[in-house]
């Protein structure tokens, strides 16, 4: 029971895409973590030397948000569990209102 509870506590975080999954742990430790670390540094360097329009920033943000939503739909709401879709929609709606209020 405790082991199952530990797995369930870590599931809601969308940032877990950055952390190793049991099925790809070896590949993550060998290559993935270095690729992610290099991507942050490369992105920072590009950001220092370039300026993006508001439209480009909005497009990149939409792409990132879409990736997060697809990951949540794939990993957090599997068909074999009794997930509550309307609770997810309500939470996503509240989060959207909060972001737009900022």
C-alpha atoms as a PDB file:
ATOM      1  CA  UNK A   1       0.000   0.000   0.000  1.00  0.00           C
ATOM      2  CA  UNK A   2       2.741   2.452   0.896  1.00  0.00           C
ATOM      3  CA  UNK A   3       4.605   1.775  -2.345  1.00  0.00           C
ATOM      4  CA  UNK A   4       1.444   2.387  -4.404  1.00  0.00           C
ATOM      5  CA  UNK A   5       0.714   5.588  -2.477  1.00  0.00           C
ATOM      6  CA  UNK A   6       4.240   6.833  -3.178  1.00  0.00           C
ATOM      7  CA  UNK A   7       3.730   6.349  -6.904  1.00  0.00           C
ATOM      8  CA  UNK A   8       0.380   8.113  -6.860  1.00  0.00           C
ATOM      9  CA  UNK A   9       1.708  11.162  -5.013  1.00  0.00           C
ATOM     10  CA  UNK A  10       4.292  11.836  -7.730  1.00  0.00           C
ATOM     11  CA  UNK A  11       1.911  11.509 -10.681  1.00  0.00           C
ATOM     12  CA  UNK A  12       0.107  14.864 -10.820  1.00  0.00           C
ATOM     13  CA  UNK A  13       3.218  16.938 -11.460  1.00  0.00           C
ATOM     14  CA  UNK A  14       3.604  17.822 -15.155  1.00  0.00           C
ATOM     15  CA  UNK A  15       7.295  18.442 -14.541  1.00  0.00           C
ATOM     16  CA  UNK A  16       7.813  14.719 -14.158  1.00  0.00           C
ATOM     17  CA  UNK A  17       8.405  14.637 -17.910  1.00  0.00           C
ATOM     18  CA  UNK A  18      11.894  15.860 -17.009  1.00  0.00           C
ATOM     19  CA  UNK A  19      12.570  12.976 -14.673  1.00  0.00           C
ATOM     20  CA  UNK A  20      13.295   9.369 -15.563  1.00  0.00           C
ATOM     21  CA  UNK A  21      10.516   6.928 -16.176  1.00  0.00           C
ATOM     22  CA  UNK A  22      11.163   3.332 -15.089  1.00  0.00           C
ATOM     23  CA  UNK A  23      10.878   2.103 -18.676  1.00  0.00           C
ATOM     24  CA  UNK A  24      13.545   4.526 -19.974  1.00  0.00           C
ATOM     25  CA  UNK A  25      15.752   4.951 -16.918  1.00  0.00           C
ATOM     26  CA  UNK A  26      18.981   3.793 -18.593  1.00  0.00           C
ATOM     27  CA  UNK A  27      18.546   6.030 -21.649  1.00  0.00           C
ATOM     28  CA  UNK A  28      17.701   9.006 -19.437  1.00  0.00           C
ATOM     29  CA  UNK A  29      20.780   8.552 -17.253  1.00  0.00           C
ATOM     30  CA  UNK A  30      23.046   8.014 -20.251  1.00  0.00           C
ATOM     31  CA  UNK A  31      21.806  10.735 -22.618  1.00  0.00           C
ATOM     32  CA  UNK A  32      18.581  12.424 -21.545  1.00  0.00           C
ATOM     33  CA  UNK A  33      19.807  14.369 -18.559  1.00  0.00           C
ATOM     34  CA  UNK A  34      22.738  15.784 -20.529  1.00  0.00           C
ATOM     35  CA  UNK A  35      20.509  16.758 -23.444  1.00  0.00           C
ATOM     36  CA  UNK A  36      18.107  18.554 -21.088  1.00  0.00           C
ATOM     37  CA  UNK A  37      20.956  20.360 -19.315  1.00  0.00           C
ATOM     38  CA  UNK A  38      22.493  21.411 -22.645  1.00  0.00           C
ATOM     39  CA  UNK A  39      19.093  22.588 -23.933  1.00  0.00           C
ATOM     40  CA  UNK A  40      18.741  24.964 -20.984  1.00  0.00           C
ATOM     41  CA  UNK A  41      22.198  26.456 -21.552  1.00  0.00           C
ATOM     42  CA  UNK A  42      21.738  26.692 -25.328  1.00  0.00           C
ATOM     43  CA  UNK A  43      18.321  28.318 -24.889  1.00  0.00           C
ATOM     44  CA  UNK A  44      19.774  30.838 -22.474  1.00  0.00           C
ATOM     45  CA  UNK A  45      22.596  31.688 -24.903  1.00  0.00           C
ATOM     46  CA  UNK A  46      20.164  32.102 -27.800  1.00  0.00           C
ATOM     47  CA  UNK A  47      17.930  34.263 -25.615  1.00  0.00           C
ATOM     48  CA  UNK A  48      20.813  36.588 -24.843  1.00  0.00           C
ATOM     49  CA  UNK A  49      21.579  37.190 -28.500  1.00  0.00           C
ATOM     50  CA  UNK A  50      18.113  37.356 -30.037  1.00  0.00           C
ATOM     51  CA  UNK A  51      14.797  39.079 -29.591  1.00  0.00           C
ATOM     52  CA  UNK A  52      11.496  37.410 -30.410  1.00  0.00           C
ATOM     53  CA  UNK A  53       8.255  39.067 -31.367  1.00  0.00           C
ATOM     54  CA  UNK A  54       5.218  38.672 -29.155  1.00  0.00           C
ATOM     55  CA  UNK A  55       3.666  36.405 -31.780  1.00  0.00           C
ATOM     56  CA  UNK A  56       6.685  34.074 -31.732  1.00  0.00           C
ATOM     57  CA  UNK A  57       6.672  33.950 -27.934  1.00  0.00           C
ATOM     58  CA  UNK A  58       2.949  33.155 -27.970  1.00  0.00           C
ATOM     59  CA  UNK A  59       3.521  30.382 -30.526  1.00  0.00           C
ATOM     60  CA  UNK A  60       6.334  28.818 -28.484  1.00  0.00           C
ATOM     61  CA  UNK A  61       4.311  29.070 -25.277  1.00  0.00           C
ATOM     62  CA  UNK A  62       1.301  27.435 -26.985  1.00  0.00           C
ATOM     63  CA  UNK A  63       3.539  24.608 -28.224  1.00  0.00           C
ATOM     64  CA  UNK A  64       4.885  24.034 -24.717  1.00  0.00           C
ATOM     65  CA  UNK A  65       1.416  24.177 -23.151  1.00  0.00           C
ATOM     66  CA  UNK A  66       0.094  21.724 -25.738  1.00  0.00           C
ATOM     67  CA  UNK A  67       2.894  19.306 -24.900  1.00  0.00           C
ATOM     68  CA  UNK A  68       2.056  19.517 -21.213  1.00  0.00           C
ATOM     69  CA  UNK A  69      -1.656  18.913 -21.909  1.00  0.00           C
ATOM     70  CA  UNK A  70      -0.901  15.913 -24.136  1.00  0.00           C
ATOM     71  CA  UNK A  71       1.381  14.462 -21.462  1.00  0.00           C
ATOM     72  CA  UNK A  72      -1.308  14.918 -18.822  1.00  0.00           C
ATOM     73  CA  UNK A  73      -3.968  13.304 -21.001  1.00  0.00           C
ATOM     74  CA  UNK A  74      -1.682  10.379 -21.808  1.00  0.00           C
ATOM     75  CA  UNK A  75      -0.184   9.747 -18.368  1.00  0.00           C
ATOM     76  CA  UNK A  76      -2.520  11.177 -15.770  1.00  0.00           C
ATOM     77  CA  UNK A  77      -5.888  10.112 -17.171  1.00  0.00           C
ATOM     78  CA  UNK A  78      -5.394   6.504 -18.333  1.00  0.00           C
ATOM     79  CA  UNK A  79      -8.504   4.524 -19.241  1.00  0.00           C
ATOM     80  CA  UNK A  80      -7.818   1.628 -16.886  1.00  0.00           C
ATOM     81  CA  UNK A  81      -8.144   3.814 -13.778  1.00  0.00           C
ATOM     82  CA  UNK A  82     -11.334   5.420 -12.596  1.00  0.00           C
ATOM     83  CA  UNK A  83     -10.260   8.975 -13.357  1.00  0.00           C
ATOM     84  CA  UNK A  84     -12.761  11.792 -13.226  1.00  0.00           C
ATOM     85  CA  UNK A  85     -12.655  13.726 -16.465  1.00  0.00           C
ATOM     86  CA  UNK A  86     -14.904  16.550 -15.250  1.00  0.00           C
ATOM     87  CA  UNK A  87     -12.694  17.116 -12.217  1.00  0.00           C
ATOM     88  CA  UNK A  88      -9.778  17.486 -14.639  1.00  0.00           C
ATOM     89  CA  UNK A  89     -11.724  19.921 -16.831  1.00  0.00           C
ATOM     90  CA  UNK A  90     -12.779  21.965 -13.782  1.00  0.00           C
ATOM     91  CA  UNK A  91      -9.182  22.138 -12.525  1.00  0.00           C
ATOM     92  CA  UNK A  92      -7.888  23.103 -15.968  1.00  0.00           C
ATOM     93  CA  UNK A  93     -10.549  25.808 -16.233  1.00  0.00           C
ATOM     94  CA  UNK A  94      -9.724  27.266 -12.821  1.00  0.00           C
ATOM     95  CA  UNK A  95      -6.021  27.224 -13.661  1.00  0.00           C
ATOM     96  CA  UNK A  96      -6.744  28.989 -16.966  1.00  0.00           C
ATOM     97  CA  UNK A  97      -8.714  31.732 -15.214  1.00  0.00           C
ATOM     98  CA  UNK A  98      -5.903  32.200 -12.697  1.00  0.00           C
ATOM     99  CA  UNK A  99      -3.299  32.509 -15.460  1.00  0.00           C
ATOM    100  CA  UNK A 100      -5.405  34.988 -17.398  1.00  0.00           C
ATOM    101  CA  UNK A 101      -5.923  37.045 -14.247  1.00  0.00           C
ATOM    102  CA  UNK A 102      -2.168  37.470 -13.906  1.00  0.00           C
END
